[in-house]
């Protein structure tokens, strides 16, 4: 893989609109996109970033569908059933 196949933490922070410190916390807690260390420096493979974003989109869609279902149940008068 070439240098262009990775993002640095500052680059990814801009891309995801989070702080670099947030990425560090995600790494510590095992969250966020997969990362590797190249010569002691954290790097995020572009493929892992794409996978992470795809998973976020999928989770968002699932949550939106669940919310729609709850609203349908409430509007049908089954909220206390």
C-alpha atoms as a PDB file:
ATOM      1  CA  UNK A   1       0.000   0.000   0.000  1.00  0.00           C
ATOM      2  CA  UNK A   2       1.165   3.500  -0.738  1.00  0.00           C
ATOM      3  CA  UNK A   3       1.022   6.602   1.411  1.00  0.00           C
ATOM      4  CA  UNK A   4      -2.124   7.618  -0.500  1.00  0.00           C
ATOM      5  CA  UNK A   5      -3.934   4.530   0.796  1.00  0.00           C
ATOM      6  CA  UNK A   6      -3.998   5.921   4.353  1.00  0.00           C
ATOM      7  CA  UNK A   7      -5.235   8.953   6.261  1.00  0.00           C
ATOM      8  CA  UNK A   8      -3.534  10.522   9.241  1.00  0.00           C
ATOM      9  CA  UNK A   9      -5.547  11.281  12.395  1.00  0.00           C
ATOM     10  CA  UNK A  10      -5.762  15.021  11.556  1.00  0.00           C
ATOM     11  CA  UNK A  11      -6.974  14.237   8.031  1.00  0.00           C
ATOM     12  CA  UNK A  12      -9.577  11.791   9.302  1.00  0.00           C
ATOM     13  CA  UNK A  13     -10.702  14.187  12.033  1.00  0.00           C
ATOM     14  CA  UNK A  14     -11.499  16.771   9.358  1.00  0.00           C
ATOM     15  CA  UNK A  15     -13.220  14.143   7.206  1.00  0.00           C
ATOM     16  CA  UNK A  16     -15.436  12.911  10.071  1.00  0.00           C
ATOM     17  CA  UNK A  17     -15.872  16.363  11.645  1.00  0.00           C
ATOM     18  CA  UNK A  18     -14.501  15.225  15.009  1.00  0.00           C
ATOM     19  CA  UNK A  19     -11.506  16.260  17.079  1.00  0.00           C
ATOM     20  CA  UNK A  20      -8.198  14.427  16.822  1.00  0.00           C
ATOM     21  CA  UNK A  21      -8.579  13.706  20.549  1.00  0.00           C
ATOM     22  CA  UNK A  22     -11.891  11.963  19.818  1.00  0.00           C
ATOM     23  CA  UNK A  23     -10.098   9.622  17.429  1.00  0.00           C
ATOM     24  CA  UNK A  24      -7.517   8.913  20.129  1.00  0.00           C
ATOM     25  CA  UNK A  25     -10.289   8.061  22.585  1.00  0.00           C
ATOM     26  CA  UNK A  26     -11.982   5.807  20.023  1.00  0.00           C
ATOM     27  CA  UNK A  27      -8.686   3.960  19.492  1.00  0.00           C
ATOM     28  CA  UNK A  28      -8.247   3.556  23.250  1.00  0.00           C
ATOM     29  CA  UNK A  29     -11.761   2.153  23.695  1.00  0.00           C
ATOM     30  CA  UNK A  30     -11.673   0.036  20.536  1.00  0.00           C
ATOM     31  CA  UNK A  31     -14.197   2.167  18.641  1.00  0.00           C
ATOM     32  CA  UNK A  32     -14.072   3.963  15.324  1.00  0.00           C
ATOM     33  CA  UNK A  33     -12.385   2.830  12.151  1.00  0.00           C
ATOM     34  CA  UNK A  34      -9.622   0.226  12.118  1.00  0.00           C
ATOM     35  CA  UNK A  35      -6.132   1.711  12.281  1.00  0.00           C
ATOM     36  CA  UNK A  36      -2.560   0.541  11.919  1.00  0.00           C
ATOM     37  CA  UNK A  37       0.752   1.908  13.060  1.00  0.00           C
ATOM     38  CA  UNK A  38       3.238   2.573  10.286  1.00  0.00           C
ATOM     39  CA  UNK A  39       6.707   3.259  11.655  1.00  0.00           C
ATOM     40  CA  UNK A  40       5.105   4.139  14.995  1.00  0.00           C
ATOM     41  CA  UNK A  41       2.566   6.559  13.497  1.00  0.00           C
ATOM     42  CA  UNK A  42      -1.201   5.942  13.507  1.00  0.00           C
ATOM     43  CA  UNK A  43      -2.690   5.582  10.055  1.00  0.00           C
ATOM     44  CA  UNK A  44      -6.209   4.741   8.908  1.00  0.00           C
ATOM     45  CA  UNK A  45      -6.456   2.613   5.756  1.00  0.00           C
ATOM     46  CA  UNK A  46      -8.929   4.153   3.316  1.00  0.00           C
ATOM     47  CA  UNK A  47     -10.782   0.836   3.046  1.00  0.00           C
ATOM     48  CA  UNK A  48     -11.375   0.776   6.816  1.00  0.00           C
ATOM     49  CA  UNK A  49     -12.677   4.350   6.698  1.00  0.00           C
ATOM     50  CA  UNK A  50     -15.106   3.444   3.927  1.00  0.00           C
ATOM     51  CA  UNK A  51     -16.282   0.387   5.880  1.00  0.00           C
ATOM     52  CA  UNK A  52     -16.735   2.474   9.035  1.00  0.00           C
ATOM     53  CA  UNK A  53     -18.777   5.104   7.203  1.00  0.00           C
ATOM     54  CA  UNK A  54     -20.913   2.420   5.527  1.00  0.00           C
ATOM     55  CA  UNK A  55     -21.618   0.881   8.948  1.00  0.00           C
ATOM     56  CA  UNK A  56     -22.613   4.294  10.334  1.00  0.00           C
ATOM     57  CA  UNK A  57     -25.023   4.821   7.454  1.00  0.00           C
ATOM     58  CA  UNK A  58     -26.539   1.366   8.001  1.00  0.00           C
ATOM     59  CA  UNK A  59     -26.958   1.979  11.744  1.00  0.00           C
ATOM     60  CA  UNK A  60     -28.568   5.346  11.028  1.00  0.00           C
ATOM     61  CA  UNK A  61     -31.046   3.755   8.619  1.00  0.00           C
ATOM     62  CA  UNK A  62     -31.925   1.054  11.160  1.00  0.00           C
ATOM     63  CA  UNK A  63     -32.529   3.685  13.862  1.00  0.00           C
ATOM     64  CA  UNK A  64     -34.656   5.769  11.504  1.00  0.00           C
ATOM     65  CA  UNK A  65     -36.789   2.759  10.619  1.00  0.00           C
ATOM     66  CA  UNK A  66     -37.214   1.872  14.297  1.00  0.00           C
ATOM     67  CA  UNK A  67     -38.308   5.447  15.047  1.00  0.00           C
ATOM     68  CA  UNK A  68     -40.807   5.362  12.183  1.00  0.00           C
ATOM     69  CA  UNK A  69     -42.206   2.095  13.526  1.00  0.00           C
ATOM     70  CA  UNK A  70     -42.570   3.574  17.024  1.00  0.00           C
ATOM     71  CA  UNK A  71     -44.377   6.597  15.595  1.00  0.00           C
ATOM     72  CA  UNK A  72     -46.776   4.329  13.666  1.00  0.00           C
ATOM     73  CA  UNK A  73     -47.506   2.349  16.817  1.00  0.00           C
ATOM     74  CA  UNK A  74     -48.151   5.551  18.799  1.00  0.00           C
ATOM     75  CA  UNK A  75     -50.375   7.014  16.096  1.00  0.00           C
ATOM     76  CA  UNK A  76     -52.409   3.802  15.974  1.00  0.00           C
ATOM     77  CA  UNK A  77     -53.123   4.046  19.708  1.00  0.00           C
ATOM     78  CA  UNK A  78     -50.990   1.090  20.745  1.00  0.00           C
ATOM     79  CA  UNK A  79     -48.495   3.055  22.779  1.00  0.00           C
ATOM     80  CA  UNK A  80     -49.703   1.569  26.092  1.00  0.00           C
ATOM     81  CA  UNK A  81     -50.278  -1.960  24.796  1.00  0.00           C
END
